Amino acid sequence: MSKKEAPTVDMLAYEKKWQEKGYALVAGIDEAGRGPLAGPVSAACVVMPLDDLVPGVNDSKKLTAAKREKLYPLIMEKAIAYSIVTVDAPTIDEINILNATKLAMRSCVEQLAVQPDVVLVDAVKLDCGYPVDPIIKGDALSYSIACASVLAKVYRDHMMVEAAKEYPAYGFEQHKGYGTAAHIAALQQNGPCPLHRRSFIGHFVDLDE
């Protein structure tokens, strides 16, 4: 493992804390896509072996797209169990983004092939039937959460690239639904598509037209 990849082993403090208390299987949860104007919010839950790490794992926001793409299959291959769940734009509009995020997180815990002993989650207070440790900036501090952040981010990015084929006017393959100047201009020119979050885009288009 190179010095550049060494921080991974420094991200095990929370996992070790819980294992020392007798919680053997530690799951990490993170989400992607809370802020975009379009597309789903995604959440991933993953239980990783802590004695056989994937080198280079970090908060997905600190990684290049190419690095995330490289890590994505490695994490899934090495995981003891993982699941990824998305909640679509109409549901986000109906229940709000925080509740939609929690729904995705609870669902991905429920869909794990193994039952974790404890769940580490990035900042969100979550009721999921297991002990939960909400860690501020957890995706940068916990290996398990960082692995989940990569899965959630890459899976959602792939969805938005596919969405661009169906709705080519918006450039989803470039900005993944986030509110870039190009996306807002396309939204104002073309109006919203079914993937747009009505509760997010009122500042940019008149939804009563």
N, C-alpha and C. Protein backbone atom coordinates (compact mmCIF):
# COMPACT_ATOMS: atom_id res chain seq x y z
N MET A 1 0.85 -1.20 0.00
CA MET A 1 0.00 0.00 0.00
C MET A 1 0.88 1.25 0.00
N SER A 2 0.62 2.18 -0.92
CA SER A 2 1.45 3.37 -1.02
C SER A 2 1.12 4.35 0.10
N LYS A 3 2.02 5.31 0.28
CA LYS A 3 1.77 6.33 1.30
C LYS A 3 0.51 7.12 0.97
N LYS A 4 0.25 7.31 -0.33
CA LYS A 4 -0.93 8.07 -0.72
C LYS A 4 -2.21 7.36 -0.31
N GLU A 5 -2.16 6.02 -0.24
CA GLU A 5 -3.35 5.25 0.09
C GLU A 5 -3.42 4.89 1.58
N ALA A 6 -2.39 5.22 2.33
CA ALA A 6 -2.31 4.83 3.73
C ALA A 6 -3.43 5.35 4.62
N PRO A 7 -4.06 6.54 4.32
CA PRO A 7 -5.11 7.03 5.23
C PRO A 7 -6.25 6.05 5.48
N THR A 8 -6.45 5.08 4.59
CA THR A 8 -7.51 4.11 4.78
C THR A 8 -7.43 3.46 6.17
N VAL A 9 -6.24 3.04 6.59
CA VAL A 9 -6.11 2.34 7.85
C VAL A 9 -6.34 3.27 9.04
N ASP A 10 -6.28 4.58 8.83
CA ASP A 10 -6.54 5.54 9.89
C ASP A 10 -8.05 5.80 10.04
N MET A 11 -8.85 5.19 9.22
CA MET A 11 -10.30 5.42 9.22
C MET A 11 -11.05 4.30 9.92
N LEU A 12 -10.36 3.56 10.76
CA LEU A 12 -10.98 2.41 11.41
C LEU A 12 -11.28 2.65 12.89
N ALA A 13 -11.09 3.87 13.37
CA ALA A 13 -11.24 4.12 14.81
C ALA A 13 -12.66 3.81 15.29
N TYR A 14 -13.67 4.23 14.55
CA TYR A 14 -15.05 3.98 14.97
C TYR A 14 -15.40 2.50 14.90
N GLU A 15 -14.94 1.85 13.82
CA GLU A 15 -15.17 0.41 13.69
C GLU A 15 -14.53 -0.35 14.86
N LYS A 16 -13.31 0.00 15.19
CA LYS A 16 -12.59 -0.67 16.28
C LYS A 16 -13.28 -0.42 17.62
N LYS A 17 -13.77 0.79 17.79
CA LYS A 17 -14.46 1.14 19.05
C LYS A 17 -15.64 0.20 19.27
N TRP A 18 -16.43 -0.01 18.23
CA TRP A 18 -17.61 -0.87 18.36
C TRP A 18 -17.24 -2.34 18.45
N GLN A 19 -16.22 -2.76 17.73
CA GLN A 19 -15.81 -4.16 17.81
C GLN A 19 -15.26 -4.49 19.19
N GLU A 20 -14.59 -3.54 19.80
CA GLU A 20 -14.08 -3.76 21.16
C GLU A 20 -15.22 -3.90 22.17
N LYS A 21 -16.41 -3.39 21.83
CA LYS A 21 -17.59 -3.54 22.67
C LYS A 21 -18.35 -4.83 22.36
N GLY A 22 -17.86 -5.60 21.38
CA GLY A 22 -18.49 -6.87 21.05
C GLY A 22 -19.40 -6.83 19.84
N TYR A 23 -19.41 -5.72 19.12
CA TYR A 23 -20.23 -5.60 17.91
C TYR A 23 -19.36 -5.99 16.71
N ALA A 24 -19.47 -7.24 16.29
CA ALA A 24 -18.54 -7.78 15.31
C ALA A 24 -18.76 -7.25 13.90
N LEU A 25 -20.02 -7.27 13.45
CA LEU A 25 -20.32 -6.85 12.08
C LEU A 25 -20.74 -5.38 12.07
N VAL A 26 -19.89 -4.57 11.50
CA VAL A 26 -20.13 -3.12 11.46
C VAL A 26 -20.55 -2.73 10.05
N ALA A 27 -21.72 -2.11 9.93
CA ALA A 27 -22.19 -1.62 8.63
C ALA A 27 -21.96 -0.12 8.54
N GLY A 28 -21.69 0.34 7.35
CA GLY A 28 -21.59 1.77 7.08
C GLY A 28 -22.66 2.18 6.08
N ILE A 29 -23.25 3.34 6.29
CA ILE A 29 -24.28 3.87 5.38
C ILE A 29 -23.90 5.29 4.96
N ASP A 30 -24.13 5.58 3.68
CA ASP A 30 -24.03 6.96 3.22
C ASP A 30 -24.97 7.15 2.05
N GLU A 31 -25.20 8.41 1.72
CA GLU A 31 -26.12 8.74 0.62
C GLU A 31 -25.39 9.57 -0.43
N ALA A 32 -26.03 9.68 -1.58
CA ALA A 32 -25.58 10.58 -2.63
C ALA A 32 -26.81 11.19 -3.28
N GLY A 33 -26.72 12.47 -3.62
CA GLY A 33 -27.80 13.10 -4.36
C GLY A 33 -28.85 13.80 -3.54
N ARG A 34 -28.49 14.33 -2.39
CA ARG A 34 -29.47 15.11 -1.63
C ARG A 34 -29.70 16.48 -2.26
N GLY A 35 -28.68 17.02 -2.90
CA GLY A 35 -28.76 18.40 -3.37
C GLY A 35 -29.19 18.64 -4.80
N PRO A 36 -29.16 17.67 -5.70
CA PRO A 36 -29.46 17.95 -7.11
C PRO A 36 -30.89 18.43 -7.36
N LEU A 37 -31.06 19.03 -8.51
CA LEU A 37 -32.39 19.47 -8.95
C LEU A 37 -33.17 18.33 -9.60
N ALA A 38 -32.46 17.28 -9.98
CA ALA A 38 -33.11 16.18 -10.70
C ALA A 38 -32.49 14.85 -10.30
N GLY A 39 -33.29 13.80 -10.49
CA GLY A 39 -32.81 12.45 -10.21
C GLY A 39 -33.11 12.00 -8.79
N PRO A 40 -32.81 10.75 -8.51
CA PRO A 40 -33.11 10.19 -7.19
C PRO A 40 -32.06 10.55 -6.16
N VAL A 41 -32.37 10.28 -4.91
CA VAL A 41 -31.36 10.20 -3.88
C VAL A 41 -31.04 8.72 -3.70
N SER A 42 -29.77 8.41 -3.52
CA SER A 42 -29.37 7.01 -3.36
C SER A 42 -28.71 6.82 -2.01
N ALA A 43 -28.82 5.62 -1.48
CA ALA A 43 -28.14 5.27 -0.23
C ALA A 43 -27.55 3.88 -0.37
N ALA A 44 -26.38 3.70 0.19
CA ALA A 44 -25.73 2.39 0.19
C ALA A 44 -25.41 1.99 1.61
N CYS A 45 -25.54 0.71 1.87
CA CYS A 45 -25.15 0.13 3.16
C CYS A 45 -24.20 -1.02 2.87
N VAL A 46 -23.09 -1.05 3.58
CA VAL A 46 -22.09 -2.07 3.29
C VAL A 46 -21.43 -2.56 4.57
N VAL A 47 -21.23 -3.87 4.64
CA VAL A 47 -20.45 -4.48 5.72
C VAL A 47 -19.15 -4.97 5.09
N MET A 48 -18.04 -4.37 5.51
CA MET A 48 -16.74 -4.71 4.93
C MET A 48 -15.90 -5.52 5.90
N PRO A 49 -15.07 -6.42 5.38
CA PRO A 49 -14.07 -7.05 6.26
C PRO A 49 -13.05 -6.00 6.67
N LEU A 50 -12.74 -5.94 7.93
CA LEU A 50 -11.85 -4.90 8.44
C LEU A 50 -10.42 -5.35 8.57
N ASP A 51 -10.16 -6.60 8.17
CA ASP A 51 -8.78 -7.11 8.18
C ASP A 51 -8.24 -7.29 6.77
N ASP A 52 -8.99 -6.83 5.78
CA ASP A 52 -8.59 -6.96 4.38
C ASP A 52 -9.17 -5.77 3.62
N LEU A 53 -8.49 -4.62 3.74
CA LEU A 53 -9.05 -3.37 3.27
C LEU A 53 -8.86 -3.17 1.77
N VAL A 54 -9.76 -2.39 1.19
CA VAL A 54 -9.59 -1.95 -0.19
C VAL A 54 -8.71 -0.70 -0.17
N PRO A 55 -7.52 -0.75 -0.75
CA PRO A 55 -6.63 0.42 -0.71
C PRO A 55 -7.24 1.62 -1.42
N GLY A 56 -7.03 2.79 -0.83
CA GLY A 56 -7.43 4.03 -1.49
C GLY A 56 -8.82 4.50 -1.18
N VAL A 57 -9.58 3.76 -0.38
CA VAL A 57 -10.94 4.19 -0.05
C VAL A 57 -10.91 5.48 0.76
N ASN A 58 -11.79 6.39 0.39
CA ASN A 58 -11.93 7.65 1.11
C ASN A 58 -13.31 8.21 0.83
N ASP A 59 -13.64 9.30 1.49
CA ASP A 59 -14.87 10.02 1.18
C ASP A 59 -14.97 10.20 -0.33
N SER A 60 -16.10 9.81 -0.91
CA SER A 60 -16.21 9.84 -2.37
C SER A 60 -16.00 11.23 -2.94
N LYS A 61 -16.33 12.27 -2.16
CA LYS A 61 -16.15 13.64 -2.65
C LYS A 61 -14.68 14.01 -2.78
N LYS A 62 -13.81 13.28 -2.11
CA LYS A 62 -12.38 13.56 -2.17
C LYS A 62 -11.68 12.76 -3.28
N LEU A 63 -12.44 11.93 -3.98
CA LEU A 63 -11.88 11.07 -5.01
C LEU A 63 -12.28 11.57 -6.39
N THR A 64 -11.42 11.34 -7.36
CA THR A 64 -11.78 11.65 -8.73
C THR A 64 -12.83 10.65 -9.22
N ALA A 65 -13.53 11.02 -10.28
CA ALA A 65 -14.51 10.10 -10.85
C ALA A 65 -13.85 8.81 -11.29
N ALA A 66 -12.66 8.91 -11.86
CA ALA A 66 -11.95 7.72 -12.32
C ALA A 66 -11.59 6.81 -11.14
N LYS A 67 -11.18 7.41 -10.03
CA LYS A 67 -10.82 6.62 -8.85
C LYS A 67 -12.06 5.94 -8.26
N ARG A 68 -13.17 6.68 -8.22
CA ARG A 68 -14.41 6.07 -7.71
C ARG A 68 -14.82 4.88 -8.57
N GLU A 69 -14.72 5.03 -9.87
CA GLU A 69 -15.09 3.95 -10.78
C GLU A 69 -14.20 2.72 -10.57
N LYS A 70 -12.96 2.95 -10.25
CA LYS A 70 -12.03 1.85 -9.99
C LYS A 70 -12.36 1.15 -8.68
N LEU A 71 -12.72 1.92 -7.66
CA LEU A 71 -13.00 1.36 -6.34
C LEU A 71 -14.35 0.65 -6.29
N TYR A 72 -15.29 1.11 -7.08
CA TYR A 72 -16.67 0.63 -7.03
C TYR A 72 -16.76 -0.90 -7.12
N PRO A 73 -16.20 -1.54 -8.14
CA PRO A 73 -16.31 -3.01 -8.20
C PRO A 73 -15.46 -3.70 -7.14
N LEU A 74 -14.36 -3.07 -6.73
CA LEU A 74 -13.50 -3.68 -5.71
C LEU A 74 -14.23 -3.75 -4.37
N ILE A 75 -14.95 -2.68 -4.03
CA ILE A 75 -15.72 -2.67 -2.78
C ILE A 75 -16.81 -3.72 -2.81
N MET A 76 -17.54 -3.80 -3.91
CA MET A 76 -18.63 -4.77 -4.01
C MET A 76 -18.09 -6.20 -3.96
N GLU A 77 -16.95 -6.42 -4.58
CA GLU A 77 -16.37 -7.76 -4.60
C GLU A 77 -15.91 -8.20 -3.22
N LYS A 78 -15.36 -7.26 -2.46
CA LYS A 78 -14.79 -7.61 -1.16
C LYS A 78 -15.81 -7.57 -0.03
N ALA A 79 -16.93 -6.90 -0.24
CA ALA A 79 -17.91 -6.71 0.83
C ALA A 79 -18.46 -8.04 1.34
N ILE A 80 -18.67 -8.11 2.64
CA ILE A 80 -19.39 -9.24 3.24
C ILE A 80 -20.85 -9.18 2.79
N ALA A 81 -21.38 -7.96 2.73
CA ALA A 81 -22.74 -7.73 2.22
C ALA A 81 -22.86 -6.26 1.86
N TYR A 82 -23.68 -5.97 0.86
CA TYR A 82 -23.96 -4.57 0.52
C TYR A 82 -25.33 -4.48 -0.13
N SER A 83 -25.91 -3.30 -0.09
CA SER A 83 -27.15 -3.02 -0.81
C SER A 83 -27.18 -1.55 -1.16
N ILE A 84 -27.86 -1.23 -2.25
CA ILE A 84 -27.99 0.14 -2.72
C ILE A 84 -29.46 0.38 -3.06
N VAL A 85 -30.01 1.46 -2.56
CA VAL A 85 -31.43 1.78 -2.75
C VAL A 85 -31.55 3.22 -3.23
N THR A 86 -32.49 3.48 -4.14
CA THR A 86 -32.77 4.84 -4.57
C THR A 86 -34.22 5.20 -4.27
N VAL A 87 -34.45 6.47 -4.05
CA VAL A 87 -35.81 7.01 -3.88
C VAL A 87 -35.98 8.09 -4.94
N ASP A 88 -37.05 8.01 -5.72
CA ASP A 88 -37.19 8.85 -6.91
C ASP A 88 -37.68 10.25 -6.60
N ALA A 89 -37.63 11.10 -7.63
CA ALA A 89 -37.97 12.51 -7.47
C ALA A 89 -39.41 12.73 -6.99
N PRO A 90 -40.43 12.03 -7.52
CA PRO A 90 -41.78 12.26 -7.00
C PRO A 90 -41.92 11.97 -5.51
N THR A 91 -41.22 10.94 -5.04
CA THR A 91 -41.28 10.63 -3.60
C THR A 91 -40.55 11.70 -2.80
N ILE A 92 -39.45 12.19 -3.31
CA ILE A 92 -38.74 13.30 -2.65
C ILE A 92 -39.66 14.50 -2.52
N ASP A 93 -40.38 14.81 -3.60
CA ASP A 93 -41.31 15.94 -3.55
C ASP A 93 -42.43 15.70 -2.53
N GLU A 94 -42.84 14.46 -2.40
CA GLU A 94 -43.97 14.13 -1.52
C GLU A 94 -43.59 14.15 -0.04
N ILE A 95 -42.42 13.62 0.29
CA ILE A 95 -42.08 13.44 1.71
C ILE A 95 -40.90 14.30 2.16
N ASN A 96 -40.29 15.04 1.30
CA ASN A 96 -39.12 15.92 1.45
C ASN A 96 -37.82 15.13 1.42
N ILE A 97 -36.74 15.83 1.14
CA ILE A 97 -35.46 15.16 0.86
C ILE A 97 -34.88 14.47 2.10
N LEU A 98 -35.04 15.04 3.28
CA LEU A 98 -34.51 14.39 4.47
C LEU A 98 -35.22 13.06 4.71
N ASN A 99 -36.54 13.07 4.65
CA ASN A 99 -37.28 11.82 4.86
C ASN A 99 -37.01 10.82 3.75
N ALA A 100 -36.84 11.30 2.53
CA ALA A 100 -36.51 10.39 1.43
C ALA A 100 -35.13 9.76 1.63
N THR A 101 -34.20 10.55 2.15
CA THR A 101 -32.86 10.03 2.44
C THR A 101 -32.93 8.96 3.52
N LYS A 102 -33.68 9.24 4.58
CA LYS A 102 -33.83 8.25 5.66
C LYS A 102 -34.53 6.99 5.16
N LEU A 103 -35.52 7.16 4.28
CA LEU A 103 -36.21 6.00 3.71
C LEU A 103 -35.24 5.14 2.92
N ALA A 104 -34.40 5.75 2.10
CA ALA A 104 -33.41 5.00 1.34
C ALA A 104 -32.43 4.29 2.26
N MET A 105 -32.01 4.98 3.32
CA MET A 105 -31.06 4.38 4.26
C MET A 105 -31.67 3.20 5.01
N ARG A 106 -32.88 3.36 5.50
CA ARG A 106 -33.53 2.25 6.20
C ARG A 106 -33.73 1.06 5.27
N SER A 107 -34.11 1.35 4.04
CA SER A 107 -34.37 0.28 3.08
C SER A 107 -33.10 -0.49 2.75
N CYS A 108 -31.99 0.20 2.63
CA CYS A 108 -30.77 -0.52 2.27
C CYS A 108 -30.25 -1.36 3.45
N VAL A 109 -30.52 -0.92 4.68
CA VAL A 109 -30.19 -1.77 5.83
C VAL A 109 -31.05 -3.04 5.80
N GLU A 110 -32.34 -2.86 5.54
CA GLU A 110 -33.25 -4.01 5.50
C GLU A 110 -32.89 -5.01 4.41
N GLN A 111 -32.29 -4.54 3.34
CA GLN A 111 -31.99 -5.41 2.21
C GLN A 111 -30.62 -6.08 2.29
N LEU A 112 -29.86 -5.81 3.35
CA LEU A 112 -28.58 -6.49 3.52
C LEU A 112 -28.79 -8.00 3.66
N ALA A 113 -27.89 -8.76 3.07
CA ALA A 113 -27.99 -10.22 3.15
C ALA A 113 -27.58 -10.75 4.53
N VAL A 114 -26.87 -9.93 5.30
CA VAL A 114 -26.51 -10.30 6.68
C VAL A 114 -27.02 -9.20 7.60
N GLN A 115 -27.26 -9.55 8.85
CA GLN A 115 -27.70 -8.56 9.83
C GLN A 115 -26.49 -7.96 10.54
N PRO A 116 -26.31 -6.65 10.47
CA PRO A 116 -25.18 -6.03 11.16
C PRO A 116 -25.43 -5.94 12.65
N ASP A 117 -24.38 -5.78 13.40
CA ASP A 117 -24.50 -5.58 14.85
C ASP A 117 -24.64 -4.10 15.21
N VAL A 118 -24.08 -3.24 14.37
CA VAL A 118 -24.15 -1.80 14.58
C VAL A 118 -24.04 -1.13 13.22
N VAL A 119 -24.65 0.05 13.12
CA VAL A 119 -24.65 0.80 11.86
C VAL A 119 -24.00 2.16 12.08
N LEU A 120 -22.95 2.44 11.32
CA LEU A 120 -22.33 3.76 11.31
C LEU A 120 -22.91 4.54 10.14
N VAL A 121 -23.36 5.76 10.39
CA VAL A 121 -24.02 6.52 9.34
C VAL A 121 -23.47 7.94 9.32
N ASP A 122 -23.39 8.51 8.14
CA ASP A 122 -22.84 9.85 7.98
C ASP A 122 -23.86 10.89 8.45
N ALA A 123 -23.73 11.29 9.70
CA ALA A 123 -24.43 12.45 10.29
C ALA A 123 -25.92 12.23 10.58
N VAL A 124 -26.62 11.42 9.82
CA VAL A 124 -28.08 11.32 9.95
C VAL A 124 -28.46 10.48 11.17
N LYS A 125 -29.41 10.97 11.96
CA LYS A 125 -29.97 10.18 13.05
C LYS A 125 -31.02 9.25 12.46
N LEU A 126 -30.77 7.95 12.54
CA LEU A 126 -31.57 6.98 11.81
C LEU A 126 -32.13 5.93 12.74
N ASP A 127 -33.42 5.66 12.61
CA ASP A 127 -34.07 4.58 13.34
C ASP A 127 -34.22 3.41 12.39
N CYS A 128 -33.38 2.38 12.56
CA CYS A 128 -33.39 1.28 11.60
C CYS A 128 -33.41 -0.10 12.27
N GLY A 129 -33.64 -0.12 13.58
CA GLY A 129 -33.73 -1.40 14.27
C GLY A 129 -32.41 -1.93 14.79
N TYR A 130 -31.33 -1.20 14.58
CA TYR A 130 -30.01 -1.59 15.07
C TYR A 130 -29.39 -0.41 15.81
N PRO A 131 -28.40 -0.66 16.65
CA PRO A 131 -27.66 0.47 17.23
C PRO A 131 -27.06 1.31 16.11
N VAL A 132 -27.19 2.61 16.21
CA VAL A 132 -26.72 3.52 15.16
C VAL A 132 -25.76 4.54 15.76
N ASP A 133 -24.66 4.77 15.07
CA ASP A 133 -23.69 5.77 15.47
C ASP A 133 -23.63 6.83 14.37
N PRO A 134 -24.34 7.97 14.56
CA PRO A 134 -24.28 9.04 13.55
C PRO A 134 -22.99 9.85 13.72
N ILE A 135 -22.16 9.85 12.71
CA ILE A 135 -20.84 10.45 12.80
C ILE A 135 -20.77 11.67 11.88
N ILE A 136 -20.53 12.84 12.46
CA ILE A 136 -20.38 14.04 11.64
C ILE A 136 -19.16 13.88 10.73
N LYS A 137 -19.35 14.15 9.45
CA LYS A 137 -18.30 13.95 8.43
C LYS A 137 -17.81 12.50 8.45
N GLY A 138 -18.75 11.58 8.70
CA GLY A 138 -18.39 10.18 8.81
C GLY A 138 -17.78 9.60 7.55
N ASP A 139 -18.15 10.16 6.37
CA ASP A 139 -17.59 9.61 5.14
C ASP A 139 -16.09 9.87 5.02
N ALA A 140 -15.58 10.83 5.80
CA ALA A 140 -14.15 11.09 5.81
C ALA A 140 -13.44 10.46 7.01
N LEU A 141 -14.22 9.92 7.97
CA LEU A 141 -13.64 9.42 9.21
C LEU A 141 -13.79 7.91 9.39
N SER A 142 -14.71 7.30 8.67
CA SER A 142 -14.99 5.88 8.83
C SER A 142 -14.81 5.15 7.50
N TYR A 143 -14.02 4.11 7.53
CA TYR A 143 -13.79 3.29 6.34
C TYR A 143 -15.10 2.71 5.81
N SER A 144 -15.95 2.22 6.71
CA SER A 144 -17.20 1.60 6.29
C SER A 144 -18.13 2.60 5.62
N ILE A 145 -18.22 3.80 6.20
CA ILE A 145 -19.07 4.83 5.61
C ILE A 145 -18.47 5.30 4.28
N ALA A 146 -17.16 5.42 4.22
CA ALA A 146 -16.51 5.83 2.98
C ALA A 146 -16.78 4.83 1.85
N CYS A 147 -16.73 3.55 2.18
CA CYS A 147 -17.06 2.52 1.17
C CYS A 147 -18.49 2.71 0.68
N ALA A 148 -19.41 2.96 1.62
CA ALA A 148 -20.81 3.18 1.25
C ALA A 148 -20.95 4.43 0.40
N SER A 149 -20.18 5.45 0.70
CA SER A 149 -20.28 6.70 -0.05
C SER A 149 -19.88 6.49 -1.50
N VAL A 150 -18.87 5.67 -1.74
CA VAL A 150 -18.45 5.37 -3.11
C VAL A 150 -19.55 4.61 -3.85
N LEU A 151 -20.13 3.60 -3.20
CA LEU A 151 -21.18 2.82 -3.85
C LEU A 151 -22.38 3.70 -4.19
N ALA A 152 -22.83 4.51 -3.24
CA ALA A 152 -24.00 5.36 -3.46
C ALA A 152 -23.75 6.36 -4.58
N LYS A 153 -22.58 6.96 -4.58
CA LYS A 153 -22.24 7.99 -5.58
C LYS A 153 -22.14 7.39 -6.97
N VAL A 154 -21.38 6.33 -7.12
CA VAL A 154 -21.16 5.76 -8.46
C VAL A 154 -22.46 5.18 -9.01
N TYR A 155 -23.22 4.50 -8.18
CA TYR A 155 -24.48 3.92 -8.64
C TYR A 155 -25.41 5.02 -9.15
N ARG A 156 -25.52 6.11 -8.40
CA ARG A 156 -26.38 7.21 -8.83
C ARG A 156 -25.84 7.86 -10.10
N ASP A 157 -24.54 8.06 -10.17
CA ASP A 157 -23.95 8.64 -11.38
C ASP A 157 -24.29 7.80 -12.61
N HIS A 158 -24.20 6.49 -12.47
CA HIS A 158 -24.54 5.61 -13.59
C HIS A 158 -26.01 5.79 -13.99
N MET A 159 -26.89 5.92 -13.01
CA MET A 159 -28.29 6.14 -13.31
C MET A 159 -28.49 7.43 -14.10
N MET A 160 -27.78 8.48 -13.74
CA MET A 160 -27.96 9.76 -14.41
C MET A 160 -27.37 9.75 -15.82
N VAL A 161 -26.32 8.99 -16.02
CA VAL A 161 -25.78 8.82 -17.38
C VAL A 161 -26.80 8.12 -18.26
N GLU A 162 -27.46 7.11 -17.71
CA GLU A 162 -28.52 6.42 -18.46
C GLU A 162 -29.71 7.36 -18.70
N ALA A 163 -30.04 8.18 -17.71
CA ALA A 163 -31.15 9.11 -17.85
C ALA A 163 -30.90 10.11 -18.96
N ALA A 164 -29.64 10.45 -19.17
CA ALA A 164 -29.29 11.41 -20.22
C ALA A 164 -29.67 10.89 -21.61
N LYS A 165 -29.70 9.58 -21.77
CA LYS A 165 -30.07 9.00 -23.06
C LYS A 165 -31.56 9.20 -23.34
N GLU A 166 -32.36 9.18 -22.26
CA GLU A 166 -33.79 9.37 -22.42
C GLU A 166 -34.17 10.84 -22.47
N TYR A 167 -33.40 11.67 -21.76
CA TYR A 167 -33.67 13.11 -21.70
C TYR A 167 -32.40 13.88 -22.06
N PRO A 168 -32.01 13.84 -23.34
CA PRO A 168 -30.70 14.38 -23.74
C PRO A 168 -30.59 15.90 -23.64
N ALA A 169 -31.70 16.61 -23.52
CA ALA A 169 -31.66 18.07 -23.54
C ALA A 169 -31.01 18.68 -22.31
N TYR A 170 -30.86 17.90 -21.23
CA TYR A 170 -30.46 18.50 -19.95
C TYR A 170 -28.99 18.29 -19.58
N GLY A 171 -28.30 17.42 -20.27
CA GLY A 171 -26.89 17.19 -19.96
C GLY A 171 -26.64 16.45 -18.66
N PHE A 172 -27.56 15.54 -18.31
CA PHE A 172 -27.42 14.82 -17.04
C PHE A 172 -26.10 14.06 -16.94
N GLU A 173 -25.57 13.62 -18.08
CA GLU A 173 -24.32 12.86 -18.05
C GLU A 173 -23.15 13.72 -17.56
N GLN A 174 -23.30 15.04 -17.66
CA GLN A 174 -22.24 15.94 -17.24
C GLN A 174 -22.36 16.33 -15.77
N HIS A 175 -23.54 16.80 -15.37
CA HIS A 175 -23.69 17.36 -14.02
C HIS A 175 -24.46 16.45 -13.05
N LYS A 176 -24.97 15.33 -13.56
CA LYS A 176 -25.67 14.33 -12.73
C LYS A 176 -26.89 14.91 -12.01
N GLY A 177 -27.46 15.97 -12.57
CA GLY A 177 -28.66 16.55 -11.99
C GLY A 177 -28.43 17.73 -11.07
N TYR A 178 -27.18 18.03 -10.77
CA TYR A 178 -26.89 19.17 -9.89
C TYR A 178 -27.17 20.48 -10.61
N GLY A 179 -27.31 21.54 -9.85
CA GLY A 179 -27.76 22.82 -10.38
C GLY A 179 -26.67 23.66 -10.98
N THR A 180 -25.99 23.15 -11.98
CA THR A 180 -24.98 23.93 -12.69
C THR A 180 -25.66 24.97 -13.57
N ALA A 181 -24.88 25.95 -14.02
CA ALA A 181 -25.43 26.98 -14.89
C ALA A 181 -26.00 26.37 -16.17
N ALA A 182 -25.30 25.39 -16.72
CA ALA A 182 -25.77 24.73 -17.95
C ALA A 182 -27.08 23.99 -17.71
N HIS A 183 -27.19 23.33 -16.56
CA HIS A 183 -28.43 22.60 -16.25
C HIS A 183 -29.59 23.58 -16.06
N ILE A 184 -29.37 24.64 -15.34
CA ILE A 184 -30.44 25.61 -15.11
C ILE A 184 -30.88 26.24 -16.42
N ALA A 185 -29.92 26.55 -17.30
CA ALA A 185 -30.27 27.12 -18.61
C ALA A 185 -31.12 26.13 -19.41
N ALA A 186 -30.73 24.85 -19.39
CA ALA A 186 -31.50 23.84 -20.11
C ALA A 186 -32.89 23.66 -19.51
N LEU A 187 -32.97 23.74 -18.19
CA LEU A 187 -34.26 23.63 -17.51
C LEU A 187 -35.17 24.79 -17.88
N GLN A 188 -34.61 26.00 -17.94
CA GLN A 188 -35.41 27.17 -18.28
C GLN A 188 -35.84 27.15 -19.75
N GLN A 189 -35.01 26.57 -20.59
CA GLN A 189 -35.33 26.52 -22.01
C GLN A 189 -36.35 25.43 -22.32
N ASN A 190 -36.22 24.28 -21.67
CA ASN A 190 -37.02 23.11 -22.02
C ASN A 190 -38.13 22.80 -21.03
N GLY A 191 -38.09 23.43 -19.85
CA GLY A 191 -39.02 23.06 -18.80
C GLY A 191 -38.57 21.77 -18.13
N PRO A 192 -39.23 21.35 -17.07
CA PRO A 192 -38.81 20.16 -16.34
C PRO A 192 -39.18 18.87 -17.05
N CYS A 193 -38.41 17.84 -16.79
CA CYS A 193 -38.74 16.49 -17.24
C CYS A 193 -39.20 15.69 -16.01
N PRO A 194 -39.65 14.46 -16.19
CA PRO A 194 -40.15 13.69 -15.04
C PRO A 194 -39.12 13.44 -13.94
N LEU A 195 -37.84 13.61 -14.24
CA LEU A 195 -36.81 13.39 -13.24
C LEU A 195 -36.56 14.61 -12.35
N HIS A 196 -37.10 15.74 -12.72
CA HIS A 196 -36.85 16.94 -11.93
C HIS A 196 -37.68 16.96 -10.66
N ARG A 197 -37.08 17.46 -9.61
CA ARG A 197 -37.74 17.58 -8.31
C ARG A 197 -38.49 18.90 -8.27
N ARG A 198 -39.81 18.82 -8.33
CA ARG A 198 -40.62 20.04 -8.36
C ARG A 198 -40.39 20.91 -7.14
N SER A 199 -40.12 20.29 -6.02
CA SER A 199 -39.90 21.05 -4.79
C SER A 199 -38.54 21.75 -4.78
N PHE A 200 -37.68 21.45 -5.76
CA PHE A 200 -36.35 22.04 -5.82
C PHE A 200 -36.22 23.12 -6.90
N ILE A 201 -37.06 23.08 -7.92
CA ILE A 201 -36.80 23.87 -9.12
C ILE A 201 -37.67 25.12 -9.24
N GLY A 202 -38.53 25.39 -8.24
CA GLY A 202 -39.43 26.53 -8.32
C GLY A 202 -38.72 27.87 -8.47
N HIS A 203 -37.47 27.97 -8.02
CA HIS A 203 -36.72 29.22 -8.15
C HIS A 203 -36.32 29.48 -9.60
N PHE A 204 -36.35 28.44 -10.43
CA PHE A 204 -35.79 28.57 -11.77
C PHE A 204 -36.83 28.53 -12.89
N VAL A 205 -37.97 27.88 -12.64
CA VAL A 205 -39.01 27.81 -13.66
C VAL A 205 -40.38 28.02 -13.01
N ASP A 206 -41.32 28.48 -13.81
CA ASP A 206 -42.68 28.66 -13.33
C ASP A 206 -43.43 27.34 -13.51
N LEU A 207 -43.71 26.66 -12.41
CA LEU A 207 -44.34 25.35 -12.49
C LEU A 207 -45.85 25.44 -12.70
N ASP A 208 -46.39 26.65 -12.69
CA ASP A 208 -47.84 26.82 -12.90
C ASP A 208 -48.21 26.98 -14.37
N GLU A 209 -47.18 27.11 -15.22
CA GLU A 209 -47.46 27.28 -16.65
C GLU A 209 -48.05 26.01 -17.24
